[in-house]
Protein backbone atom coordinates (compact mmCIF):
# COMPACT_ATOMS: atom_id res chain seq x y z
CA ILE A 1 18.71 -10.48 -12.55
CA MET A 2 16.02 -7.99 -11.49
CA VAL A 3 18.03 -5.06 -12.86
CA LYS A 4 18.29 -6.84 -16.23
CA MET A 5 14.49 -7.11 -16.21
CA GLY A 6 14.22 -3.32 -15.78
CA TYR A 7 13.59 -3.22 -12.04
CA GLU A 8 15.39 -0.92 -9.62
CA MET A 9 16.24 -2.37 -6.21
CA ARG A 10 15.90 -0.22 -3.08
CA VAL A 11 16.47 -1.14 0.54
CA ILE A 12 14.10 0.44 3.05
CA LYS A 13 14.96 0.00 6.71
CA LEU A 14 11.87 -0.74 8.82
CA PRO A 15 11.36 -1.42 12.52
CA ASP A 16 11.31 -5.06 13.62
CA THR A 17 7.59 -4.66 14.39
CA ILE A 18 6.80 -4.43 10.66
CA LEU A 19 6.64 -7.94 9.23
CA HIS A 20 5.63 -7.07 5.65
CA LEU A 21 6.40 -4.07 3.48
CA ASP A 22 2.81 -3.90 2.21
CA LYS A 23 1.68 -2.59 5.59
CA VAL A 24 3.66 0.62 5.04
CA LEU A 25 4.07 0.96 1.25
CA MET A 26 1.78 0.10 -1.67
CA THR A 27 1.82 0.93 -5.36
CA LEU A 28 -1.25 2.88 -6.51
CA GLU A 29 -0.14 3.38 -10.10
CA PRO A 30 3.12 2.65 -11.93
CA LYS A 31 4.70 5.87 -10.63
CA ARG A 32 2.55 6.62 -7.55
CA VAL A 33 2.70 5.09 -4.09
CA LEU A 34 0.82 5.18 -0.79
CA PHE A 35 3.21 5.14 2.15
CA CYS A 36 3.43 5.55 5.93
CA LYS A 37 5.29 8.81 6.32
CA ASP A 38 6.20 7.95 9.92
CA LEU A 39 8.29 4.98 8.76
CA ILE A 40 9.39 5.67 5.20
CA SER A 41 11.16 8.82 4.08
CA GLU A 42 10.56 10.76 0.88
CA LYS A 43 14.17 9.89 -0.02
CA ASP A 44 13.26 6.16 0.03
CA ILE A 45 10.61 6.71 -2.62
CA ALA A 46 12.31 9.41 -4.68
CA GLY A 47 11.10 9.41 -8.26
CA PHE A 48 7.54 8.43 -7.35
CA GLU A 49 4.51 10.62 -6.77
CA SER A 50 3.44 9.85 -3.25
CA ILE A 51 0.52 10.01 -0.87
CA GLY A 52 1.72 9.91 2.73
CA ILE A 53 -0.39 8.75 5.64
CA SER A 54 0.16 8.49 9.38
CA CYS A 55 -0.07 4.78 10.13
CA GLY A 56 -1.42 3.32 13.30
CA GLU A 57 -4.57 1.73 14.69
CA ASN A 58 -6.53 0.90 11.53
CA ALA A 59 -4.58 3.07 9.10
CA THR A 60 -2.14 1.11 6.95
CA ALA A 61 -1.03 1.04 3.32
CA ASN A 62 -2.17 -2.59 3.02
CA ILE A 63 -4.74 -2.42 0.22
CA ILE A 64 -5.47 -4.33 -2.99
CA CYS A 65 -4.98 -2.60 -6.32
CA LEU A 66 -7.53 -3.83 -8.85
CA GLY A 67 -6.15 -1.63 -11.63
CA ASP A 68 -7.73 1.37 -13.34
CA LYS A 69 -7.55 3.45 -10.13
CA GLU A 70 -9.72 0.97 -8.22
CA PHE A 71 -8.87 -0.50 -4.81
CA ILE A 72 -10.10 -2.77 -2.05
CA VAL A 73 -9.55 -1.37 1.45
CA ASN A 74 -10.37 -2.82 4.87
CA ARG A 75 -13.64 -1.22 6.03
CA THR A 76 -12.00 0.05 9.23
CA ASN A 77 -9.24 1.89 7.30
CA ASP A 78 -11.22 5.15 7.06
CA LEU A 79 -8.17 7.37 6.65
CA VAL A 80 -7.02 5.61 3.49
CA THR A 81 -10.55 5.11 2.14
CA ASN A 82 -11.36 8.82 2.43
CA LEU A 83 -7.97 9.92 1.12
CA LEU A 84 -8.13 7.69 -1.95
CA LYS A 85 -11.72 8.72 -2.71
CA SER A 86 -10.81 12.41 -2.41
CA THR A 87 -7.92 11.84 -4.82
CA GLY A 88 -10.26 10.42 -7.48
CA TYR A 89 -9.84 6.70 -6.88
CA THR A 90 -12.67 4.19 -6.63
CA VAL A 91 -12.64 2.34 -3.30
CA HIS A 92 -14.46 -0.84 -2.34
CA THR A 93 -14.45 -1.61 1.37
CA LEU A 94 -14.59 -5.12 2.81
CA GLU A 95 -15.05 -6.28 6.38
CA LEU A 96 -11.65 -7.80 7.18
CA THR A 97 -11.57 -7.40 10.96
CA GLU A 98 -10.83 -11.09 11.58
CA PHE A 99 -7.82 -10.99 9.24
CA ALA A 100 -6.58 -7.80 10.93
CA LYS A 101 -6.66 -9.56 14.32
CA GLY A 102 -4.02 -11.92 12.94
CA MET A 103 -1.97 -8.96 11.61
CA GLY A 104 -3.26 -9.59 8.08
CA GLY A 105 -4.78 -7.20 5.60
CA PRO A 106 -6.33 -7.09 2.15
CA ASN A 107 -3.09 -7.72 0.27
CA CYS A 108 -2.49 -10.85 2.37
CA LEU A 109 -5.54 -12.43 0.71
CA ILE A 110 -4.21 -12.44 -2.85
CA MET A 111 -1.37 -13.68 -4.96
CA PRO A 112 -0.08 -10.63 -6.86
CA ILE A 113 0.37 -10.91 -10.59
CA GLU A 114 2.18 -8.54 -12.92
CA ARG A 115 -0.17 -6.28 -14.85
CA ARG A 116 0.77 -4.96 -18.26
CA ALA A 117 -0.71 -1.76 -19.62
């Protein structure tokens, strides 16, 4: 059904320690992704422009895309905040330490909806 709707399905093998894909891969724009280069290969995301980060400690790909190159990032995720800002994106930081203690992140706080250009 997803293929009929124009979506391409890909399987990305992750370690058992990764509960949700959004911790290691997030869409920045329709054809651009932020990903943890330690866990996801360039082959897995072929066809997309990519920004790779080394995940660990506070650095994850778990962010909220607000659209129009604007994002919400956990205040402790300095690596991603600085990288996105240097790439021309607008970044809003929020204090989400308590959510992070429970292995949650910004994207865990929303219900994604499909955006149309």
